[in-house]
PDB file of N, CA and C in Angstrom:
ATOM      1  N   MET A   1     -38.634  38.185 -72.413  1.00  0.00           N
ATOM      2  CA  MET A   1     -37.257  38.015 -72.857  1.00  0.00           C
ATOM      3  C   MET A   1     -36.272  38.395 -71.751  1.00  0.00           C
ATOM      4  N   ASP A   2     -36.579  39.454 -71.030  1.00  0.00           N
ATOM      5  CA  ASP A   2     -35.707  39.853 -69.930  1.00  0.00           C
ATOM      6  C   ASP A   2     -35.643  38.782 -68.844  1.00  0.00           C
ATOM      7  N   SER A   3     -36.767  38.106 -68.578  1.00  0.00           N
ATOM      8  CA  SER A   3     -36.770  37.071 -67.546  1.00  0.00           C
ATOM      9  C   SER A   3     -35.877  35.899 -67.959  1.00  0.00           C
ATOM     10  N   ASN A   4     -35.802  35.590 -69.259  1.00  0.00           N
ATOM     11  CA  ASN A   4     -34.917  34.528 -69.728  1.00  0.00           C
ATOM     12  C   ASN A   4     -33.460  34.884 -69.478  1.00  0.00           C
ATOM     13  N   LYS A   5     -33.127  36.147 -69.688  1.00  0.00           N
ATOM     14  CA  LYS A   5     -31.751  36.575 -69.434  1.00  0.00           C
ATOM     15  C   LYS A   5     -31.414  36.444 -67.960  1.00  0.00           C
ATOM     16  N   LYS A   6     -32.377  36.818 -67.108  1.00  0.00           N
ATOM     17  CA  LYS A   6     -32.142  36.710 -65.666  1.00  0.00           C
ATOM     18  C   LYS A   6     -31.965  35.249 -65.265  1.00  0.00           C
ATOM     19  N   ASP A   7     -32.830  34.364 -65.813  1.00  0.00           N
ATOM     20  CA  ASP A   7     -32.706  32.947 -65.502  1.00  0.00           C
ATOM     21  C   ASP A   7     -31.373  32.395 -65.974  1.00  0.00           C
ATOM     22  N   SER A   8     -30.978  32.784 -67.154  1.00  0.00           N
ATOM     23  CA  SER A   8     -29.715  32.329 -67.705  1.00  0.00           C
ATOM     24  C   SER A   8     -28.549  32.804 -66.843  1.00  0.00           C
ATOM     25  N   LEU A   9     -28.607  34.062 -66.430  1.00  0.00           N
ATOM     26  CA  LEU A   9     -27.545  34.613 -65.580  1.00  0.00           C
ATOM     27  C   LEU A   9     -27.521  33.907 -64.239  1.00  0.00           C
ATOM     28  N   HIS A  10     -28.719  33.644 -63.692  1.00  0.00           N
ATOM     29  CA  HIS A  10     -28.816  32.971 -62.402  1.00  0.00           C
ATOM     30  C   HIS A  10     -28.199  31.572 -62.474  1.00  0.00           C
ATOM     31  N   LYS A  11     -28.489  30.839 -63.529  1.00  0.00           N
ATOM     32  CA  LYS A  11     -27.926  29.502 -63.700  1.00  0.00           C
ATOM     33  C   LYS A  11     -26.408  29.576 -63.835  1.00  0.00           C
ATOM     34  N   THR A  12     -25.913  30.556 -64.548  1.00  0.00           N
ATOM     35  CA  THR A  12     -24.471  30.740 -64.703  1.00  0.00           C
ATOM     36  C   THR A  12     -23.829  31.016 -63.350  1.00  0.00           C
ATOM     37  N   ASN A  13     -24.473  31.841 -62.536  1.00  0.00           N
ATOM     38  CA  ASN A  13     -23.938  32.146 -61.217  1.00  0.00           C
ATOM     39  C   ASN A  13     -23.895  30.914 -60.335  1.00  0.00           C
ATOM     40  N   ASN A  14     -24.885  30.040 -60.431  1.00  0.00           N
ATOM     41  CA  ASN A  14     -24.871  28.811 -59.638  1.00  0.00           C
ATOM     42  C   ASN A  14     -23.722  27.910 -60.046  1.00  0.00           C
ATOM     43  N   ILE A  15     -23.488  27.791 -61.332  1.00  0.00           N
ATOM     44  CA  ILE A  15     -22.369  26.982 -61.811  1.00  0.00           C
ATOM     45  C   ILE A  15     -21.061  27.585 -61.331  1.00  0.00           C
ATOM     46  N   SER A  16     -20.958  28.896 -61.420  1.00  0.00           N
ATOM     47  CA  SER A  16     -19.755  29.585 -60.958  1.00  0.00           C
ATOM     48  C   SER A  16     -19.574  29.410 -59.456  1.00  0.00           C
ATOM     49  N   ALA A  17     -20.663  29.491 -58.699  1.00  0.00           N
ATOM     50  CA  ALA A  17     -20.593  29.313 -57.251  1.00  0.00           C
ATOM     51  C   ALA A  17     -20.141  27.906 -56.903  1.00  0.00           C
ATOM     52  N   ASP A  18     -20.662  26.902 -57.621  1.00  0.00           N
ATOM     53  CA  ASP A  18     -20.250  25.523 -57.387  1.00  0.00           C
ATOM     54  C   ASP A  18     -18.769  25.343 -57.678  1.00  0.00           C
ATOM     55  N   LYS A  19     -18.306  25.971 -58.735  1.00  0.00           N
ATOM     56  CA  LYS A  19     -16.893  25.881 -59.087  1.00  0.00           C
ATOM     57  C   LYS A  19     -16.031  26.541 -58.010  1.00  0.00           C
ATOM     58  N   ASN A  20     -16.501  27.681 -57.479  1.00  0.00           N
ATOM     59  CA  ASN A  20     -15.761  28.359 -56.414  1.00  0.00           C
ATOM     60  C   ASN A  20     -15.668  27.495 -55.171  1.00  0.00           C
ATOM     61  N   VAL A  21     -16.733  26.784 -54.849  1.00  0.00           N
ATOM     62  CA  VAL A  21     -16.721  25.889 -53.692  1.00  0.00           C
ATOM     63  C   VAL A  21     -15.694  24.783 -53.908  1.00  0.00           C
ATOM     64  N   ASP A  22     -15.655  24.225 -55.106  1.00  0.00           N
ATOM     65  CA  ASP A  22     -14.684  23.180 -55.419  1.00  0.00           C
ATOM     66  C   ASP A  22     -13.264  23.715 -55.322  1.00  0.00           C
ATOM     67  N   VAL A  23     -13.045  24.910 -55.834  1.00  0.00           N
ATOM     68  CA  VAL A  23     -11.715  25.520 -55.793  1.00  0.00           C
ATOM     69  C   VAL A  23     -11.324  25.795 -54.341  1.00  0.00           C
ATOM     70  N   GLN A  24     -12.264  26.297 -53.553  1.00  0.00           N
ATOM     71  CA  GLN A  24     -11.977  26.583 -52.151  1.00  0.00           C
ATOM     72  C   GLN A  24     -11.664  25.295 -51.388  1.00  0.00           C
ATOM     73  N   ALA A  25     -12.405  24.247 -51.652  1.00  0.00           N
ATOM     74  CA  ALA A  25     -12.159  22.961 -50.997  1.00  0.00           C
ATOM     75  C   ALA A  25     -10.775  22.432 -51.370  1.00  0.00           C
ATOM     76  N   GLN A  26     -10.399  22.547 -52.622  1.00  0.00           N
ATOM     77  CA  GLN A  26      -9.085  22.097 -53.075  1.00  0.00           C
ATOM     78  C   GLN A  26      -7.984  22.931 -52.434  1.00  0.00           C
ATOM     79  N   LEU A  27      -8.196  24.248 -52.387  1.00  0.00           N
ATOM     80  CA  LEU A  27      -7.218  25.131 -51.760  1.00  0.00           C
ATOM     81  C   LEU A  27      -7.043  24.774 -50.290  1.00  0.00           C
ATOM     82  N   LEU A  28      -8.135  24.568 -49.583  1.00  0.00           N
ATOM     83  CA  LEU A  28      -8.067  24.228 -48.164  1.00  0.00           C
ATOM     84  C   LEU A  28      -7.343  22.901 -47.961  1.00  0.00           C
ATOM     85  N   LYS A  29      -7.614  21.927 -48.820  1.00  0.00           N
ATOM     86  CA  LYS A  29      -6.936  20.624 -48.737  1.00  0.00           C
ATOM     87  C   LYS A  29      -5.428  20.793 -48.913  1.00  0.00           C
ATOM     88  N   GLU A  30      -5.026  21.566 -49.909  1.00  0.00           N
ATOM     89  CA  GLU A  30      -3.602  21.782 -50.156  1.00  0.00           C
ATOM     90  C   GLU A  30      -2.950  22.574 -49.020  1.00  0.00           C
ATOM     91  N   LEU A  31      -3.671  23.548 -48.482  1.00  0.00           N
ATOM     92  CA  LEU A  31      -3.137  24.305 -47.353  1.00  0.00           C
ATOM     93  C   LEU A  31      -2.936  23.414 -46.132  1.00  0.00           C
ATOM     94  N   LYS A  32      -3.885  22.519 -45.876  1.00  0.00           N
ATOM     95  CA  LYS A  32      -3.760  21.600 -44.739  1.00  0.00           C
ATOM     96  C   LYS A  32      -2.516  20.731 -44.891  1.00  0.00           C
ATOM     97  N   GLU A  33      -2.291  20.238 -46.096  1.00  0.00           N
ATOM     98  CA  GLU A  33      -1.098  19.421 -46.345  1.00  0.00           C
ATOM     99  C   GLU A  33       0.175  20.233 -46.127  1.00  0.00           C
ATOM    100  N   PHE A  34       0.177  21.466 -46.608  1.00  0.00           N
ATOM    101  CA  PHE A  34       1.348  22.328 -46.481  1.00  0.00           C
ATOM    102  C   PHE A  34       1.611  22.699 -45.021  1.00  0.00           C
ATOM    103  N   VAL A  35       0.565  23.116 -44.318  1.00  0.00           N
ATOM    104  CA  VAL A  35       0.715  23.566 -42.933  1.00  0.00           C
ATOM    105  C   VAL A  35       1.089  22.407 -42.011  1.00  0.00           C
ATOM    106  N   SER A  36       0.715  21.194 -42.375  1.00  0.00           N
ATOM    107  CA  SER A  36       1.053  20.033 -41.536  1.00  0.00           C
ATOM    108  C   SER A  36       2.565  19.849 -41.390  1.00  0.00           C
ATOM    109  N   LYS A  37       3.326  20.451 -42.268  1.00  0.00           N
ATOM    110  CA  LYS A  37       4.795  20.377 -42.201  1.00  0.00           C
ATOM    111  C   LYS A  37       5.372  21.311 -41.134  1.00  0.00           C
ATOM    112  N   TYR A  38       4.539  22.222 -40.618  1.00  0.00           N
ATOM    113  CA  TYR A  38       4.973  23.223 -39.646  1.00  0.00           C
ATOM    114  C   TYR A  38       4.217  23.011 -38.338  1.00  0.00           C
ATOM    115  N   PRO A  39       4.858  22.397 -37.356  1.00  0.00           N
ATOM    116  CA  PRO A  39       4.153  22.004 -36.134  1.00  0.00           C
ATOM    117  C   PRO A  39       3.672  23.167 -35.260  1.00  0.00           C
ATOM    118  N   ASP A  40       4.144  24.364 -35.495  1.00  0.00           N
ATOM    119  CA  ASP A  40       3.727  25.511 -34.681  1.00  0.00           C
ATOM    120  C   ASP A  40       2.367  26.064 -35.083  1.00  0.00           C
ATOM    121  N   TYR A  41       1.774  25.545 -36.152  1.00  0.00           N
ATOM    122  CA  TYR A  41       0.509  26.077 -36.661  1.00  0.00           C
ATOM    123  C   TYR A  41      -0.612  25.048 -36.544  1.00  0.00           C
ATOM    124  N   ASP A  42      -1.812  25.553 -36.243  1.00  0.00           N
ATOM    125  CA  ASP A  42      -3.005  24.706 -36.203  1.00  0.00           C
ATOM    126  C   ASP A  42      -3.501  24.453 -37.621  1.00  0.00           C
ATOM    127  N   THR A  43      -4.398  23.488 -37.758  1.00  0.00           N
ATOM    128  CA  THR A  43      -4.988  23.156 -39.051  1.00  0.00           C
ATOM    129  C   THR A  43      -5.815  24.338 -39.570  1.00  0.00           C
ATOM    130  N   PRO A  44      -5.634  24.730 -40.813  1.00  0.00           N
ATOM    131  CA  PRO A  44      -6.419  25.830 -41.385  1.00  0.00           C
ATOM    132  C   PRO A  44      -7.911  25.505 -41.401  1.00  0.00           C
ATOM    133  N   PHE A  45      -8.726  26.554 -41.317  1.00  0.00           N
ATOM    134  CA  PHE A  45     -10.166  26.385 -41.414  1.00  0.00           C
ATOM    135  C   PHE A  45     -10.767  27.595 -42.114  1.00  0.00           C
ATOM    136  N   VAL A  46     -12.005  27.440 -42.582  1.00  0.00           N
ATOM    137  CA  VAL A  46     -12.704  28.504 -43.297  1.00  0.00           C
ATOM    138  C   VAL A  46     -13.759  29.099 -42.365  1.00  0.00           C
ATOM    139  N   ARG A  47     -13.718  30.424 -42.200  1.00  0.00           N
ATOM    140  CA  ARG A  47     -14.746  31.110 -41.420  1.00  0.00           C
ATOM    141  C   ARG A  47     -16.010  31.248 -42.248  1.00  0.00           C
ATOM    142  N   SER A  48     -17.084  31.634 -41.602  1.00  0.00           N
ATOM    143  CA  SER A  48     -18.371  31.742 -42.285  1.00  0.00           C
ATOM    144  C   SER A  48     -18.355  32.804 -43.389  1.00  0.00           C
ATOM    145  N   ASP A  49     -17.440  33.784 -43.293  1.00  0.00           N
ATOM    146  CA  ASP A  49     -17.362  34.819 -44.331  1.00  0.00           C
ATOM    147  C   ASP A  49     -16.459  34.417 -45.491  1.00  0.00           C
ATOM    148  N   GLY A  50     -15.892  33.214 -45.423  1.00  0.00           N
ATOM    149  CA  GLY A  50     -15.082  32.707 -46.521  1.00  0.00           C
ATOM    150  C   GLY A  50     -13.583  32.881 -46.335  1.00  0.00           C
ATOM    151  N   ASP A  51     -13.172  33.584 -45.278  1.00  0.00           N
ATOM    152  CA  ASP A  51     -11.742  33.757 -45.030  1.00  0.00           C
ATOM    153  C   ASP A  51     -11.133  32.447 -44.540  1.00  0.00           C
ATOM    154  N   ILE A  52      -9.929  32.167 -45.001  1.00  0.00           N
ATOM    155  CA  ILE A  52      -9.198  30.984 -44.544  1.00  0.00           C
ATOM    156  C   ILE A  52      -8.248  31.437 -43.445  1.00  0.00           C
ATOM    157  N   ILE A  53      -8.318  30.770 -42.302  1.00  0.00           N
ATOM    158  CA  ILE A  53      -7.551  31.156 -41.128  1.00  0.00           C
ATOM    159  C   ILE A  53      -6.509  30.085 -40.815  1.00  0.00           C
ATOM    160  N   ILE A  54      -5.273  30.529 -40.602  1.00  0.00           N
ATOM    161  CA  ILE A  54      -4.189  29.651 -40.155  1.00  0.00           C
ATOM    162  C   ILE A  54      -3.633  30.302 -38.893  1.00  0.00           C
ATOM    163  N   THR A  55      -3.824  29.665 -37.754  1.00  0.00           N
ATOM    164  CA  THR A  55      -3.410  30.264 -36.482  1.00  0.00           C
ATOM    165  C   THR A  55      -2.192  29.567 -35.898  1.00  0.00           C
ATOM    166  N   LEU A  56      -1.450  30.337 -35.105  1.00  0.00           N
ATOM    167  CA  LEU A  56      -0.370  29.757 -34.322  1.00  0.00           C
ATOM    168  C   LEU A  56      -0.974  28.953 -33.186  1.00  0.00           C
ATOM    169  N   LYS A  57      -0.300  27.920 -32.763  1.00  0.00           N
ATOM    170  CA  LYS A  57      -0.772  27.150 -31.620  1.00  0.00           C
ATOM    171  C   LYS A  57      -0.674  28.012 -30.362  1.00  0.00           C
ATOM    172  N   LYS A  58      -1.571  27.760 -29.426  1.00  0.00           N
ATOM    173  CA  LYS A  58      -1.640  28.558 -28.201  1.00  0.00           C
ATOM    174  C   LYS A  58      -0.332  28.528 -27.428  1.00  0.00           C
ATOM    175  N   SER A  59       0.324  27.384 -27.398  1.00  0.00           N
ATOM    176  CA  SER A  59       1.581  27.277 -26.654  1.00  0.00           C
ATOM    177  C   SER A  59       2.658  28.190 -27.244  1.00  0.00           C
ATOM    178  N   VAL A  60       2.676  28.321 -28.558  1.00  0.00           N
ATOM    179  CA  VAL A  60       3.651  29.192 -29.225  1.00  0.00           C
ATOM    180  C   VAL A  60       3.334  30.654 -28.919  1.00  0.00           C
ATOM    181  N   LYS A  61       2.046  30.998 -28.958  1.00  0.00           N
ATOM    182  CA  LYS A  61       1.645  32.368 -28.634  1.00  0.00           C
ATOM    183  C   LYS A  61       2.022  32.720 -27.206  1.00  0.00           C
ATOM    184  N   LYS A  62       1.787  31.782 -26.295  1.00  0.00           N
ATOM    185  CA  LYS A  62       2.099  32.019 -24.876  1.00  0.00           C
ATOM    186  C   LYS A  62       3.598  32.207 -24.692  1.00  0.00           C
ATOM    187  N   LYS A  63       4.390  31.384 -25.364  1.00  0.00           N
ATOM    188  CA  LYS A  63       5.848  31.487 -25.250  1.00  0.00           C
ATOM    189  C   LYS A  63       6.322  32.828 -25.800  1.00  0.00           C
ATOM    190  N   ARG A  64       5.763  33.260 -26.918  1.00  0.00           N
ATOM    191  CA  ARG A  64       6.138  34.554 -27.503  1.00  0.00           C
ATOM    192  C   ARG A  64       5.773  35.703 -26.571  1.00  0.00           C
ATOM    193  N   LYS A  65       4.605  35.608 -25.939  1.00  0.00           N
ATOM    194  CA  LYS A  65       4.181  36.657 -25.014  1.00  0.00           C
ATOM    195  C   LYS A  65       5.104  36.702 -23.808  1.00  0.00           C
ATOM    196  N   THR A  66       5.476  35.542 -23.292  1.00  0.00           N
ATOM    197  CA  THR A  66       6.400  35.481 -22.158  1.00  0.00           C
ATOM    198  C   THR A  66       7.744  36.082 -22.529  1.00  0.00           C
ATOM    199  N   THR A  67       8.248  35.741 -23.695  1.00  0.00           N
ATOM    200  CA  THR A  67       9.526  36.281 -24.160  1.00  0.00           C
ATOM    201  C   THR A  67       9.441  37.788 -24.324  1.00  0.00           C
ATOM    202  N   GLN A  68       8.336  38.275 -24.880  1.00  0.00           N
ATOM    203  CA  GLN A  68       8.153  39.712 -25.064  1.00  0.00           C
ATOM    204  C   GLN A  68       8.087  40.423 -23.715  1.00  0.00           C
ATOM    205  N   SER A  69       7.407  39.839 -22.755  1.00  0.00           N
ATOM    206  CA  SER A  69       7.307  40.435 -21.419  1.00  0.00           C
ATOM    207  C   SER A  69       8.682  40.507 -20.763  1.00  0.00           C
ATOM    208  N   LEU A  70       9.464  39.458 -20.904  1.00  0.00           N
ATOM    209  CA  LEU A  70      10.811  39.447 -20.347  1.00  0.00           C
ATOM    210  C   LEU A  70      11.675  40.516 -21.009  1.00  0.00           C
ATOM    211  N   ALA A  71      11.586  40.646 -22.303  1.00  0.00           N
ATOM    212  CA  ALA A  71      12.358  41.658 -23.026  1.00  0.00           C
ATOM    213  C   ALA A  71      11.971  43.064 -22.566  1.00  0.00           C
ATOM    214  N   GLU A  72      10.680  43.294 -22.369  1.00  0.00           N
ATOM    215  CA  GLU A  72      10.229  44.605 -21.902  1.00  0.00           C
ATOM    216  C   GLU A  72      10.731  44.896 -20.487  1.00  0.00           C
ATOM    217  N   ALA A  73      10.751  43.871 -19.625  1.00  0.00           N
ATOM    218  CA  ALA A  73      11.237  44.049 -18.255  1.00  0.00           C
ATOM    219  C   ALA A  73      12.726  44.394 -18.250  1.00  0.00           C
ATOM    220  N   VAL A  74      13.496  43.699 -19.049  1.00  0.00           N
ATOM    221  CA  VAL A  74      14.939  43.978 -19.130  1.00  0.00           C
ATOM    222  C   VAL A  74      15.168  45.380 -19.677  1.00  0.00           C
ATOM    223  N   LYS A  75      14.434  45.756 -20.686  1.00  0.00           N
ATOM    224  CA  LYS A  75      14.558  47.102 -21.268  1.00  0.00           C
ATOM    225  C   LYS A  75      14.229  48.164 -20.220  1.00  0.00           C
ATOM    226  N   PHE A  76      13.173  47.946 -19.457  1.00  0.00           N
ATOM    227  CA  PHE A  76      12.788  48.884 -18.409  1.00  0.00           C
ATOM    228  C   PHE A  76      13.893  49.019 -17.367  1.00  0.00           C
ATOM    229  N   MET A  77      14.456  47.878 -16.933  1.00  0.00           N
ATOM    230  CA  MET A  77      15.530  47.912 -15.923  1.00  0.00           C
ATOM    231  C   MET A  77      16.756  48.632 -16.464  1.00  0.00           C
ATOM    232  N   MET A  78      17.094  48.407 -17.719  1.00  0.00           N
ATOM    233  CA  MET A  78      18.267  49.069 -18.289  1.00  0.00           C
ATOM    234  C   MET A  78      18.036  50.572 -18.397  1.00  0.00           C
ATOM    235  N   ASN A  79      16.839  50.984 -18.769  1.00  0.00           N
ATOM    236  CA  ASN A  79      16.528  52.416 -18.839  1.00  0.00           C
ATOM    237  C   ASN A  79      16.587  53.051 -17.461  1.00  0.00           C
ATOM    238  N   GLU A  80      16.112  52.356 -16.439  1.00  0.00           N
ATOM    239  CA  GLU A  80      16.158  52.864 -15.064  1.00  0.00           C
ATOM    240  C   GLU A  80      17.607  52.979 -14.579  1.00  0.00           C
ATOM    241  N   THR A  81      18.446  52.011 -14.932  1.00  0.00           N
ATOM    242  CA  THR A  81      19.857  52.033 -14.536  1.00  0.00           C
ATOM    243  C   THR A  81      20.569  53.212 -15.177  1.00  0.00           C
ATOM    244  N   GLN A  82      20.279  53.455 -16.454  1.00  0.00           N
ATOM    245  CA  GLN A  82      20.900  54.596 -17.134  1.00  0.00           C
ATOM    246  C   GLN A  82      20.457  55.918 -16.515  1.00  0.00           C
ATOM    247  N   ALA A  83      19.206  56.021 -16.178  1.00  0.00           N
ATOM    248  CA  ALA A  83      18.692  57.237 -15.550  1.00  0.00           C
ATOM    249  C   ALA A  83      19.332  57.446 -14.180  1.00  0.00           C
ATOM    250  N   PHE A  84      19.554  56.360 -13.434  1.00  0.00           N
ATOM    251  CA  PHE A  84      20.166  56.437 -12.114  1.00  0.00           C
ATOM    252  C   PHE A  84      21.624  56.857 -12.233  1.00  0.00           C
ATOM    253  N   ARG A  85      22.348  56.366 -13.215  1.00  0.00           N
ATOM    254  CA  ARG A  85      23.767  56.699 -13.404  1.00  0.00           C
ATOM    255  C   ARG A  85      23.948  58.166 -13.813  1.00  0.00           C
ATOM    256  N   ARG A  86      23.014  58.737 -14.484  1.00  0.00           N
ATOM    257  CA  ARG A  86      23.106  60.132 -14.930  1.00  0.00           C
ATOM    258  C   ARG A  86      22.963  61.116 -13.770  1.00  0.00           C
ATOM    259  N   LYS A  87      22.323  60.689 -12.708  1.00  0.00           N
ATOM    260  CA  LYS A  87      22.086  61.586 -11.569  1.00  0.00           C
ATOM    261  C   LYS A  87      23.326  61.837 -10.816  1.00  0.00           C
TER     262      LYS A  87
END
């Protein structure tokens, strides 16, 4: 009798797993449609662990890094100028 319960539970889990795959596929399809409206993002994909990843395009990341580096350089120069004026 216990083995029947296990078999029944196992079959239920397979049906549930199939439904989850369908839901995940539908979610990914809808996300792709949504993200396609935003040109700064790459097409979403699913990693092997099930996480859905939406990344910025490399060119956008590079531009942000360049802007951040420039901002840090200006901040450094302004701090040095203030320190020099105090002397």
